């Protein structure tokens, strides 16, 4: 059986992407005001999402031409694994991004974008376009909740995605993609916007 060259290249690229390990978190967001259920699948920033192991997050940051680890302020603890905070920046777009780990698993992301480049109203509009109406909206913040997960867009230009419960009480399903063909890897490199 012969494959066209273009089909074989697409197949090989797909196999290469699946060969890298990636973790996935699936959320269902119930909005009591609309009685709708929104599926927030794998909120990620530059391919990074809650539930990933620390080495995978570090590899994604090191491989990203827009992000760099900020070594000027080491926020981890020697001989301690919980919590470990990895700080990243990408001036002038991203003022700072904090990735907080517990037992080597990412459970909190805080992305502080430059408000002169990304306004709160732009971020909020993009988040609503992608995830639907928030569970709760205030003048300074919008919240999408799906216990134990929460996504927030806050003024002036901050995006937070985290577990609202202690990590020890939450089951995080970690999938290694070379062991499972169910995992699909998504990368959006068109902008530095999280949406």
N, C-alpha and C. Protein backbone atom coordinates (compact mmCIF):
# COMPACT_ATOMS: atom_id res chain seq x y z
N UNK A 1 0.84 -1.17 0.00
CA UNK A 1 0.00 0.00 0.00
C UNK A 1 0.88 1.23 0.00
N UNK A 2 0.62 2.17 -0.91
CA UNK A 2 1.43 3.37 -1.01
C UNK A 2 0.66 4.56 -0.44
N UNK A 3 1.39 5.39 0.30
CA UNK A 3 0.81 6.62 0.84
C UNK A 3 1.33 7.78 0.01
N UNK A 4 0.48 8.76 -0.25
CA UNK A 4 1.00 9.97 -0.89
C UNK A 4 2.00 10.63 0.06
N UNK A 5 3.00 11.30 -0.50
CA UNK A 5 4.05 11.91 0.33
C UNK A 5 3.47 12.88 1.35
N UNK A 6 2.51 13.70 0.96
CA UNK A 6 1.93 14.68 1.89
C UNK A 6 1.23 13.97 3.04
N UNK A 7 0.50 12.88 2.74
CA UNK A 7 -0.19 12.12 3.79
C UNK A 7 0.79 11.48 4.75
N UNK A 8 1.91 10.98 4.23
CA UNK A 8 2.92 10.35 5.08
C UNK A 8 3.57 11.38 5.99
N UNK A 9 3.83 12.57 5.47
CA UNK A 9 4.43 13.63 6.29
C UNK A 9 3.48 14.04 7.41
N UNK A 10 2.19 14.21 7.09
CA UNK A 10 1.20 14.56 8.12
C UNK A 10 1.14 13.46 9.16
N UNK A 11 1.16 12.19 8.73
CA UNK A 11 1.13 11.06 9.65
C UNK A 11 2.36 11.08 10.56
N UNK A 12 3.54 11.31 9.99
CA UNK A 12 4.77 11.34 10.79
C UNK A 12 4.77 12.49 11.77
N UNK A 13 4.28 13.66 11.36
CA UNK A 13 4.20 14.80 12.28
C UNK A 13 3.23 14.48 13.41
N UNK A 14 2.10 13.85 13.08
CA UNK A 14 1.13 13.47 14.11
C UNK A 14 1.73 12.49 15.08
N UNK A 15 2.47 11.51 14.58
CA UNK A 15 3.11 10.53 15.45
C UNK A 15 4.13 11.21 16.35
N UNK A 16 4.90 12.17 15.82
CA UNK A 16 5.89 12.89 16.63
C UNK A 16 5.21 13.69 17.73
N UNK A 17 4.10 14.34 17.42
CA UNK A 17 3.40 15.13 18.43
C UNK A 17 2.82 14.23 19.51
N UNK A 18 2.31 13.07 19.13
CA UNK A 18 1.74 12.15 20.11
C UNK A 18 2.83 11.53 20.96
N UNK A 19 4.05 11.45 20.45
CA UNK A 19 5.14 10.81 21.18
C UNK A 19 5.59 11.64 22.37
N UNK A 20 5.32 12.95 22.37
CA UNK A 20 5.68 13.77 23.52
C UNK A 20 4.62 13.60 24.60
N UNK A 21 5.07 13.62 25.86
CA UNK A 21 4.10 13.44 26.93
C UNK A 21 3.34 14.73 27.18
N UNK A 22 2.06 14.61 27.43
CA UNK A 22 1.18 15.75 27.66
C UNK A 22 0.09 15.30 28.62
N UNK A 23 -0.29 16.18 29.52
CA UNK A 23 -1.34 15.87 30.46
C UNK A 23 -2.57 16.70 30.11
N UNK A 24 -3.74 16.23 30.51
CA UNK A 24 -4.97 16.90 30.15
C UNK A 24 -5.89 17.00 31.34
N UNK A 25 -6.54 18.15 31.47
CA UNK A 25 -7.54 18.36 32.50
C UNK A 25 -8.83 18.74 31.78
N UNK A 26 -9.93 18.06 32.08
CA UNK A 26 -11.21 18.39 31.47
C UNK A 26 -12.12 18.98 32.53
N UNK A 27 -12.80 20.06 32.18
CA UNK A 27 -13.69 20.72 33.11
C UNK A 27 -15.08 20.84 32.50
N UNK A 28 -16.08 20.80 33.35
CA UNK A 28 -17.43 21.14 32.93
C UNK A 28 -17.85 22.32 33.77
N UNK A 29 -18.22 23.42 33.15
CA UNK A 29 -18.57 24.64 33.86
C UNK A 29 -20.08 24.83 33.80
N UNK A 30 -20.76 24.74 34.94
CA UNK A 30 -22.21 24.95 35.00
C UNK A 30 -22.48 26.40 35.31
N UNK A 31 -23.24 27.08 34.49
CA UNK A 31 -23.59 28.47 34.71
C UNK A 31 -25.04 28.53 35.18
N UNK A 32 -25.29 28.88 36.47
CA UNK A 32 -26.66 28.87 36.99
C UNK A 32 -27.56 29.91 36.35
N UNK A 33 -26.99 30.94 35.71
CA UNK A 33 -27.80 31.99 35.12
C UNK A 33 -28.36 31.60 33.76
N UNK A 34 -27.70 30.70 33.09
CA UNK A 34 -28.15 30.31 31.76
C UNK A 34 -28.59 28.86 31.69
N UNK A 35 -28.32 28.08 32.75
CA UNK A 35 -28.60 26.65 32.79
C UNK A 35 -27.89 25.89 31.67
N UNK A 36 -26.78 26.44 31.22
CA UNK A 36 -25.98 25.79 30.19
C UNK A 36 -24.78 25.12 30.83
N UNK A 37 -24.27 24.13 30.18
CA UNK A 37 -23.03 23.51 30.62
C UNK A 37 -21.98 23.80 29.56
N UNK A 38 -20.91 24.42 29.98
CA UNK A 38 -19.82 24.73 29.07
C UNK A 38 -18.69 23.75 29.32
N UNK A 39 -18.11 23.28 28.27
CA UNK A 39 -16.99 22.35 28.37
C UNK A 39 -15.71 23.15 28.21
N UNK A 40 -14.97 23.30 29.29
CA UNK A 40 -13.67 23.97 29.21
C UNK A 40 -12.65 22.86 29.12
N UNK A 41 -12.14 22.63 27.94
CA UNK A 41 -11.20 21.52 27.78
C UNK A 41 -9.78 22.03 27.75
N UNK A 42 -9.04 21.58 28.71
CA UNK A 42 -7.60 21.78 28.72
C UNK A 42 -7.19 23.25 28.54
N UNK A 43 -7.70 24.15 29.43
CA UNK A 43 -7.20 25.52 29.39
C UNK A 43 -5.69 25.46 29.44
N UNK A 44 -5.05 26.09 28.50
CA UNK A 44 -3.60 26.05 28.50
C UNK A 44 -3.05 27.41 28.09
N UNK A 45 -1.87 27.67 28.56
CA UNK A 45 -1.15 28.86 28.15
C UNK A 45 0.16 28.39 27.55
N UNK A 46 0.32 28.61 26.27
CA UNK A 46 1.52 28.19 25.53
C UNK A 46 1.75 26.69 25.68
N UNK A 47 0.66 25.91 25.75
CA UNK A 47 0.77 24.46 25.87
C UNK A 47 0.86 23.97 27.29
N UNK A 48 0.86 24.87 28.28
CA UNK A 48 1.00 24.50 29.69
C UNK A 48 -0.37 24.52 30.34
N UNK A 49 -0.71 23.47 31.09
CA UNK A 49 -2.00 23.41 31.77
C UNK A 49 -1.87 22.75 33.13
N UNK A 50 -2.84 23.00 33.98
CA UNK A 50 -2.88 22.39 35.31
C UNK A 50 -2.87 20.88 35.15
N UNK A 51 -2.10 20.21 36.00
CA UNK A 51 -2.01 18.75 35.96
C UNK A 51 -0.73 18.25 35.32
N UNK A 52 0.03 19.14 34.68
CA UNK A 52 1.28 18.73 34.05
C UNK A 52 2.37 18.56 35.11
N UNK A 53 3.32 17.70 34.82
CA UNK A 53 4.45 17.54 35.73
C UNK A 53 5.49 18.62 35.45
N UNK A 54 6.29 18.93 36.47
CA UNK A 54 7.22 20.07 36.42
C UNK A 54 8.20 19.97 35.25
N UNK A 55 8.75 18.81 35.00
CA UNK A 55 9.74 18.69 33.93
C UNK A 55 9.12 19.00 32.56
N UNK A 56 7.86 18.61 32.36
CA UNK A 56 7.20 18.93 31.09
C UNK A 56 6.97 20.43 30.95
N UNK A 57 6.60 21.09 32.05
CA UNK A 57 6.40 22.54 32.01
C UNK A 57 7.72 23.24 31.69
N UNK A 58 8.79 22.82 32.35
CA UNK A 58 10.10 23.41 32.09
C UNK A 58 10.54 23.19 30.64
N UNK A 59 10.28 22.01 30.10
CA UNK A 59 10.63 21.73 28.70
C UNK A 59 9.85 22.62 27.74
N UNK A 60 8.55 22.82 28.01
CA UNK A 60 7.75 23.68 27.15
C UNK A 60 8.23 25.12 27.21
N UNK A 61 8.58 25.59 28.40
CA UNK A 61 9.07 26.97 28.53
C UNK A 61 10.41 27.12 27.82
N UNK A 62 11.31 26.17 28.04
CA UNK A 62 12.63 26.24 27.39
C UNK A 62 12.53 26.16 25.87
N UNK A 63 11.52 25.46 25.36
CA UNK A 63 11.35 25.32 23.92
C UNK A 63 10.53 26.43 23.28
N UNK A 64 10.01 27.34 24.09
CA UNK A 64 9.16 28.42 23.60
C UNK A 64 10.02 29.66 23.34
N UNK A 65 9.98 30.13 22.13
CA UNK A 65 10.82 31.29 21.77
C UNK A 65 10.31 32.59 22.38
N UNK A 66 9.10 32.60 22.93
CA UNK A 66 8.55 33.82 23.52
C UNK A 66 8.70 33.89 25.04
N UNK A 67 8.92 32.77 25.69
CA UNK A 67 8.99 32.74 27.16
C UNK A 67 10.39 32.42 27.63
N UNK A 68 10.72 32.91 28.82
CA UNK A 68 11.99 32.56 29.43
C UNK A 68 11.80 32.46 30.94
N UNK A 69 12.52 31.54 31.56
CA UNK A 69 12.46 31.40 33.01
C UNK A 69 13.20 32.57 33.62
N UNK A 70 12.57 33.22 34.58
CA UNK A 70 13.16 34.38 35.26
C UNK A 70 14.01 33.88 36.42
N UNK A 71 15.32 33.83 36.21
CA UNK A 71 16.24 33.33 37.23
C UNK A 71 16.55 34.37 38.30
N UNK A 72 16.08 35.61 38.13
CA UNK A 72 16.43 36.65 39.09
C UNK A 72 15.74 36.46 40.43
N UNK A 73 14.64 35.75 40.44
CA UNK A 73 13.97 35.51 41.72
C UNK A 73 13.59 34.04 41.80
N UNK A 74 14.44 33.27 42.45
CA UNK A 74 14.18 31.85 42.62
C UNK A 74 13.15 31.69 43.73
N UNK A 75 12.02 31.11 43.41
CA UNK A 75 10.94 31.02 44.37
C UNK A 75 10.72 29.61 44.90
N UNK A 76 11.57 28.67 44.50
CA UNK A 76 11.45 27.31 45.01
C UNK A 76 12.22 27.17 46.31
N UNK A 77 12.04 26.08 46.97
CA UNK A 77 12.73 25.81 48.23
C UNK A 77 13.67 24.64 48.04
N UNK A 78 14.88 24.76 48.57
CA UNK A 78 15.82 23.66 48.50
C UNK A 78 15.30 22.51 49.35
N UNK A 79 15.45 21.32 48.87
CA UNK A 79 15.05 20.10 49.57
C UNK A 79 13.55 20.04 49.85
N UNK A 80 12.78 20.90 49.26
CA UNK A 80 11.33 20.89 49.46
C UNK A 80 10.66 20.78 48.10
N UNK A 81 9.62 19.99 48.02
CA UNK A 81 8.93 19.81 46.76
C UNK A 81 7.59 20.52 46.76
N UNK A 82 7.11 20.98 47.93
CA UNK A 82 5.82 21.62 47.91
C UNK A 82 5.83 22.88 48.73
N UNK A 83 5.30 23.97 48.25
CA UNK A 83 5.07 24.18 46.83
C UNK A 83 6.34 24.69 46.15
N UNK A 84 6.44 24.52 44.89
CA UNK A 84 7.56 25.02 44.10
C UNK A 84 6.97 25.99 43.09
N UNK A 85 7.53 27.19 43.00
CA UNK A 85 7.00 28.21 42.10
C UNK A 85 8.03 28.50 41.03
N UNK A 86 7.60 28.43 39.78
CA UNK A 86 8.45 28.73 38.64
C UNK A 86 7.96 30.05 38.04
N UNK A 87 8.83 31.05 37.97
CA UNK A 87 8.45 32.35 37.44
C UNK A 87 8.98 32.49 36.01
N UNK A 88 8.12 33.01 35.14
CA UNK A 88 8.44 33.15 33.72
C UNK A 88 8.10 34.57 33.30
N UNK A 89 8.79 35.08 32.28
CA UNK A 89 8.43 36.40 31.75
C UNK A 89 8.66 36.43 30.24
N UNK A 90 8.04 37.41 29.62
CA UNK A 90 8.21 37.65 28.19
C UNK A 90 7.91 39.12 27.95
N UNK A 91 8.90 39.95 28.23
CA UNK A 91 8.71 41.39 28.11
C UNK A 91 8.61 41.79 26.64
N UNK A 92 7.80 42.71 26.26
CA UNK A 92 6.92 43.53 27.08
C UNK A 92 5.52 42.95 27.24
N UNK A 93 5.23 41.81 26.65
CA UNK A 93 3.87 41.27 26.62
C UNK A 93 3.43 40.66 27.95
N UNK A 94 4.24 39.79 28.50
CA UNK A 94 3.92 39.11 29.75
C UNK A 94 4.82 39.69 30.84
N UNK A 95 4.22 40.37 31.81
CA UNK A 95 5.02 40.93 32.90
C UNK A 95 5.61 39.80 33.74
N UNK A 96 4.77 38.82 34.06
CA UNK A 96 5.26 37.63 34.77
C UNK A 96 4.19 36.55 34.70
N UNK A 97 4.64 35.33 34.78
CA UNK A 97 3.74 34.18 34.87
C UNK A 97 4.30 33.28 35.95
N UNK A 98 3.45 32.85 36.85
CA UNK A 98 3.86 31.99 37.95
C UNK A 98 3.19 30.64 37.78
N UNK A 99 3.99 29.59 37.84
CA UNK A 99 3.49 28.23 37.76
C UNK A 99 3.82 27.57 39.10
N UNK A 100 2.79 27.20 39.86
CA UNK A 100 2.96 26.68 41.21
C UNK A 100 2.74 25.17 41.19
N UNK A 101 3.71 24.44 41.74
CA UNK A 101 3.68 22.98 41.74
C UNK A 101 3.54 22.45 43.17
N UNK A 102 2.88 21.33 43.30
CA UNK A 102 2.81 20.60 44.56
C UNK A 102 3.11 19.15 44.23
N UNK A 103 4.11 18.60 44.88
CA UNK A 103 4.56 17.23 44.60
C UNK A 103 4.86 17.03 43.12
N UNK A 104 5.41 18.07 42.50
CA UNK A 104 5.83 17.98 41.11
C UNK A 104 4.72 18.14 40.10
N UNK A 105 3.49 18.45 40.55
CA UNK A 105 2.34 18.59 39.65
C UNK A 105 1.85 20.03 39.67
N UNK A 106 1.66 20.61 38.49
CA UNK A 106 1.19 21.99 38.38
C UNK A 106 -0.26 22.09 38.84
N UNK A 107 -0.51 22.99 39.82
CA UNK A 107 -1.88 23.16 40.27
C UNK A 107 -2.35 24.61 40.26
N UNK A 108 -1.49 25.56 39.86
CA UNK A 108 -1.88 26.95 39.86
C UNK A 108 -1.07 27.70 38.81
N UNK A 109 -1.75 28.50 38.00
CA UNK A 109 -1.11 29.34 36.99
C UNK A 109 -1.61 30.77 37.16
N UNK A 110 -0.68 31.72 37.24
CA UNK A 110 -1.03 33.13 37.32
C UNK A 110 -0.26 33.85 36.22
N UNK A 111 -0.98 34.44 35.28
CA UNK A 111 -0.36 35.09 34.13
C UNK A 111 -0.69 36.58 34.19
N UNK A 112 0.32 37.39 34.44
CA UNK A 112 0.16 38.85 34.51
C UNK A 112 0.62 39.44 33.18
N UNK A 113 -0.35 39.82 32.36
CA UNK A 113 -0.06 40.40 31.06
C UNK A 113 0.09 41.91 31.17
N UNK A 114 0.76 42.51 30.20
CA UNK A 114 0.94 43.96 30.18
C UNK A 114 -0.39 44.61 29.82
N UNK A 115 -0.97 45.42 30.74
CA UNK A 115 -2.28 46.02 30.47
C UNK A 115 -2.27 47.05 29.34
N UNK A 116 -1.10 47.54 28.97
CA UNK A 116 -1.02 48.47 27.84
C UNK A 116 -1.14 47.73 26.51
N UNK A 117 -0.90 46.44 26.53
CA UNK A 117 -1.00 45.62 25.32
C UNK A 117 -2.28 44.79 25.32
N UNK A 118 -2.61 44.20 26.48
CA UNK A 118 -3.82 43.39 26.62
C UNK A 118 -4.73 44.05 27.65
N UNK A 119 -5.79 44.67 27.21
CA UNK A 119 -6.71 45.31 28.15
C UNK A 119 -7.61 44.26 28.79
N UNK A 120 -8.13 44.59 29.94
CA UNK A 120 -9.05 43.69 30.64
C UNK A 120 -10.26 43.38 29.77
N UNK A 121 -10.81 44.40 29.13
CA UNK A 121 -12.00 44.18 28.30
C UNK A 121 -11.71 43.25 27.12
N UNK A 122 -10.52 43.35 26.53
CA UNK A 122 -10.14 42.44 25.44
C UNK A 122 -10.03 40.99 25.94
N UNK A 123 -9.34 40.82 27.07
CA UNK A 123 -9.18 39.48 27.64
C UNK A 123 -10.53 38.87 28.00
N UNK A 124 -11.40 39.68 28.61
CA UNK A 124 -12.72 39.21 29.00
C UNK A 124 -13.55 38.81 27.78
N UNK A 125 -13.52 39.64 26.74
CA UNK A 125 -14.27 39.33 25.51
C UNK A 125 -13.75 38.04 24.87
N UNK A 126 -12.43 37.87 24.83
CA UNK A 126 -11.86 36.65 24.26
C UNK A 126 -12.22 35.41 25.08
N UNK A 127 -12.19 35.55 26.41
CA UNK A 127 -12.55 34.42 27.28
C UNK A 127 -14.02 34.04 27.11
N UNK A 128 -14.89 35.04 27.01
CA UNK A 128 -16.32 34.77 26.81
C UNK A 128 -16.56 34.10 25.46
N UNK A 129 -15.81 34.54 24.46
CA UNK A 129 -15.94 33.95 23.13
C UNK A 129 -15.55 32.47 23.15
N UNK A 130 -14.52 32.17 23.92
CA UNK A 130 -14.01 30.80 23.96
C UNK A 130 -14.79 29.90 24.92
N UNK A 131 -15.17 30.43 26.11
CA UNK A 131 -15.77 29.60 27.16
C UNK A 131 -17.22 29.92 27.47
N UNK A 132 -17.80 30.91 26.81
CA UNK A 132 -19.18 31.27 27.11
C UNK A 132 -19.25 32.22 28.29
N UNK A 133 -20.45 32.45 28.78
CA UNK A 133 -20.64 33.37 29.89
C UNK A 133 -19.99 32.83 31.16
N UNK A 134 -19.40 33.71 31.96
CA UNK A 134 -18.78 33.25 33.20
C UNK A 134 -19.82 32.85 34.24
N UNK A 135 -19.39 32.06 35.20
CA UNK A 135 -20.25 31.68 36.32
C UNK A 135 -20.58 32.91 37.15
N UNK A 136 -19.61 33.79 37.30
CA UNK A 136 -19.80 35.02 38.07
C UNK A 136 -19.01 36.13 37.39
N UNK A 137 -19.63 37.31 37.30
CA UNK A 137 -18.95 38.45 36.69
C UNK A 137 -19.13 39.69 37.55
N UNK A 138 -18.01 40.34 37.84
CA UNK A 138 -18.00 41.58 38.60
C UNK A 138 -17.28 42.63 37.75
N UNK A 139 -17.32 43.90 38.14
CA UNK A 139 -16.64 44.92 37.33
C UNK A 139 -15.14 44.72 37.21
N UNK A 140 -14.52 44.05 38.16
CA UNK A 140 -13.07 43.89 38.16
C UNK A 140 -12.61 42.45 37.93
N UNK A 141 -13.56 41.52 37.76
CA UNK A 141 -13.17 40.12 37.62
C UNK A 141 -14.32 39.29 37.05
N UNK A 142 -13.96 38.26 36.28
CA UNK A 142 -14.92 37.27 35.80
C UNK A 142 -14.39 35.89 36.19
N UNK A 143 -15.31 35.01 36.61
CA UNK A 143 -14.92 33.70 37.13
C UNK A 143 -15.70 32.61 36.39
N UNK A 144 -14.97 31.61 35.90
CA UNK A 144 -15.57 30.39 35.37
C UNK A 144 -15.22 29.29 36.37
N UNK A 145 -16.23 28.64 36.95
CA UNK A 145 -15.97 27.63 37.98
C UNK A 145 -16.47 26.27 37.55
N UNK A 146 -15.71 25.27 37.93
CA UNK A 146 -16.10 23.87 37.78
C UNK A 146 -15.32 23.15 38.87
N UNK A 147 -15.95 23.01 40.04
CA UNK A 147 -15.24 22.50 41.21
C UNK A 147 -14.48 21.23 40.85
N UNK A 148 -13.23 21.14 41.19
CA UNK A 148 -12.42 22.02 42.02
C UNK A 148 -11.58 23.00 41.21
N UNK A 149 -11.94 23.29 39.96
CA UNK A 149 -11.14 24.17 39.11
C UNK A 149 -11.78 25.55 39.00
N UNK A 150 -10.92 26.54 38.77
CA UNK A 150 -11.43 27.89 38.59
C UNK A 150 -10.54 28.65 37.61
N UNK A 151 -11.18 29.34 36.67
CA UNK A 151 -10.50 30.22 35.73
C UNK A 151 -10.97 31.63 36.02
N UNK A 152 -10.02 32.56 36.16
CA UNK A 152 -10.37 33.96 36.44
C UNK A 152 -9.67 34.89 35.46
N UNK A 153 -10.39 35.92 35.07
CA UNK A 153 -9.80 37.04 34.35
C UNK A 153 -10.01 38.24 35.26
N UNK A 154 -8.90 38.88 35.66
CA UNK A 154 -8.96 39.96 36.65
C UNK A 154 -8.32 41.23 36.09
N UNK A 155 -8.79 42.37 36.61
CA UNK A 155 -8.17 43.65 36.26
C UNK A 155 -6.84 43.77 36.98
N UNK A 156 -5.82 44.39 36.40
CA UNK A 156 -5.89 45.08 35.11
C UNK A 156 -5.78 44.11 33.93
N UNK A 157 -4.94 43.08 34.00
CA UNK A 157 -4.79 42.12 32.89
C UNK A 157 -4.16 40.83 33.41
N UNK A 158 -4.87 40.16 34.29
CA UNK A 158 -4.34 38.94 34.90
C UNK A 158 -5.28 37.78 34.62
N UNK A 159 -4.70 36.63 34.28
CA UNK A 159 -5.47 35.41 34.08
C UNK A 159 -4.95 34.38 35.07
N UNK A 160 -5.88 33.74 35.80
CA UNK A 160 -5.51 32.72 36.78
C UNK A 160 -6.29 31.45 36.48
N UNK A 161 -5.61 30.32 36.57
CA UNK A 161 -6.27 29.02 36.42
C UNK A 161 -5.71 28.14 37.52
N UNK A 162 -6.57 27.60 38.36
CA UNK A 162 -6.07 26.87 39.52
C UNK A 162 -7.10 25.90 40.07
N UNK A 163 -6.59 25.06 40.98
CA UNK A 163 -7.44 24.15 41.73
C UNK A 163 -7.88 24.88 42.99
N UNK A 164 -9.16 24.84 43.31
CA UNK A 164 -9.66 25.52 44.49
C UNK A 164 -9.54 24.66 45.74
N UNK A 165 -9.25 23.39 45.58
CA UNK A 165 -9.10 22.46 46.69
C UNK A 165 -7.63 22.12 46.84
N UNK A 166 -7.27 21.54 47.96
CA UNK A 166 -5.89 21.10 48.14
C UNK A 166 -5.58 20.01 47.13
N UNK A 167 -4.38 20.06 46.60
CA UNK A 167 -3.98 19.08 45.59
C UNK A 167 -4.06 17.67 46.13
N UNK A 168 -3.76 17.50 47.41
CA UNK A 168 -3.77 16.15 47.99
C UNK A 168 -5.17 15.54 47.99
N UNK A 169 -6.19 16.38 47.94
CA UNK A 169 -7.57 15.88 47.96
C UNK A 169 -8.18 15.79 46.57
N UNK A 170 -7.41 16.12 45.56
CA UNK A 170 -7.93 16.13 44.19
C UNK A 170 -7.22 15.07 43.37
N UNK A 171 -7.96 14.32 42.62
CA UNK A 171 -7.35 13.35 41.73
C UNK A 171 -7.08 14.02 40.40
N UNK A 172 -5.82 14.14 40.06
CA UNK A 172 -5.42 14.70 38.77
C UNK A 172 -5.03 13.54 37.87
N UNK A 173 -5.72 13.40 36.79
CA UNK A 173 -5.41 12.31 35.87
C UNK A 173 -4.29 12.76 34.95
N UNK A 174 -3.18 12.06 35.02
CA UNK A 174 -2.04 12.36 34.18
C UNK A 174 -1.97 11.31 33.09
N UNK A 175 -1.98 11.77 31.87
CA UNK A 175 -1.92 10.86 30.74
C UNK A 175 -0.58 11.04 30.04
N UNK A 176 0.12 9.96 29.80
CA UNK A 176 1.34 9.99 29.02
C UNK A 176 0.95 9.61 27.60
N UNK A 177 1.15 10.54 26.66
CA UNK A 177 0.58 10.35 25.33
C UNK A 177 1.22 9.23 24.54
N UNK A 178 2.47 8.86 24.84
CA UNK A 178 3.01 7.74 24.07
C UNK A 178 2.41 6.43 24.54
N UNK A 179 1.73 6.42 25.69
CA UNK A 179 1.06 5.21 26.16
C UNK A 179 -0.41 5.20 25.77
N UNK A 180 -0.92 6.32 25.31
CA UNK A 180 -2.34 6.40 24.98
C UNK A 180 -2.52 7.20 23.70
N UNK A 181 -3.32 6.69 22.78
CA UNK A 181 -3.56 7.42 21.54
C UNK A 181 -4.76 8.35 21.67
N UNK A 182 -5.33 8.48 22.88
CA UNK A 182 -6.48 9.33 23.09
C UNK A 182 -6.11 10.80 23.30
N UNK A 183 -4.83 11.06 23.59
CA UNK A 183 -4.40 12.41 23.90
C UNK A 183 -4.03 13.14 22.61
N UNK A 184 -4.57 14.32 22.47
CA UNK A 184 -4.22 15.16 21.32
C UNK A 184 -3.52 16.40 21.85
N UNK A 185 -2.46 16.77 21.18
CA UNK A 185 -1.69 17.92 21.61
C UNK A 185 -2.12 19.16 20.85
N UNK A 186 -2.38 20.24 21.57
CA UNK A 186 -2.78 21.47 20.92
C UNK A 186 -1.79 22.57 21.27
N UNK A 187 -1.33 23.25 20.26
CA UNK A 187 -0.46 24.40 20.45
C UNK A 187 -1.02 25.57 19.66
N UNK A 188 -1.20 26.65 20.30
CA UNK A 188 -1.62 27.85 19.62
C UNK A 188 -0.50 28.86 19.77
N UNK A 189 0.21 29.09 18.70
CA UNK A 189 1.35 30.00 18.76
C UNK A 189 1.09 31.27 17.97
N UNK A 190 -0.17 31.54 17.65
CA UNK A 190 -0.45 32.73 16.85
C UNK A 190 -0.25 34.01 17.64
N UNK A 191 -0.50 33.97 18.95
CA UNK A 191 -0.33 35.14 19.80
C UNK A 191 0.09 34.67 21.18
N UNK A 192 0.43 35.62 22.01
CA UNK A 192 0.73 35.29 23.40
C UNK A 192 -0.50 35.39 24.28
N UNK A 193 -1.64 35.71 23.71
CA UNK A 193 -2.87 35.77 24.49
C UNK A 193 -3.27 34.38 24.93
N UNK A 194 -3.73 34.23 26.18
CA UNK A 194 -4.12 32.90 26.63
C UNK A 194 -5.42 32.40 26.01
N UNK A 195 -6.11 33.22 25.27
CA UNK A 195 -7.35 32.80 24.64
C UNK A 195 -7.15 32.85 23.17
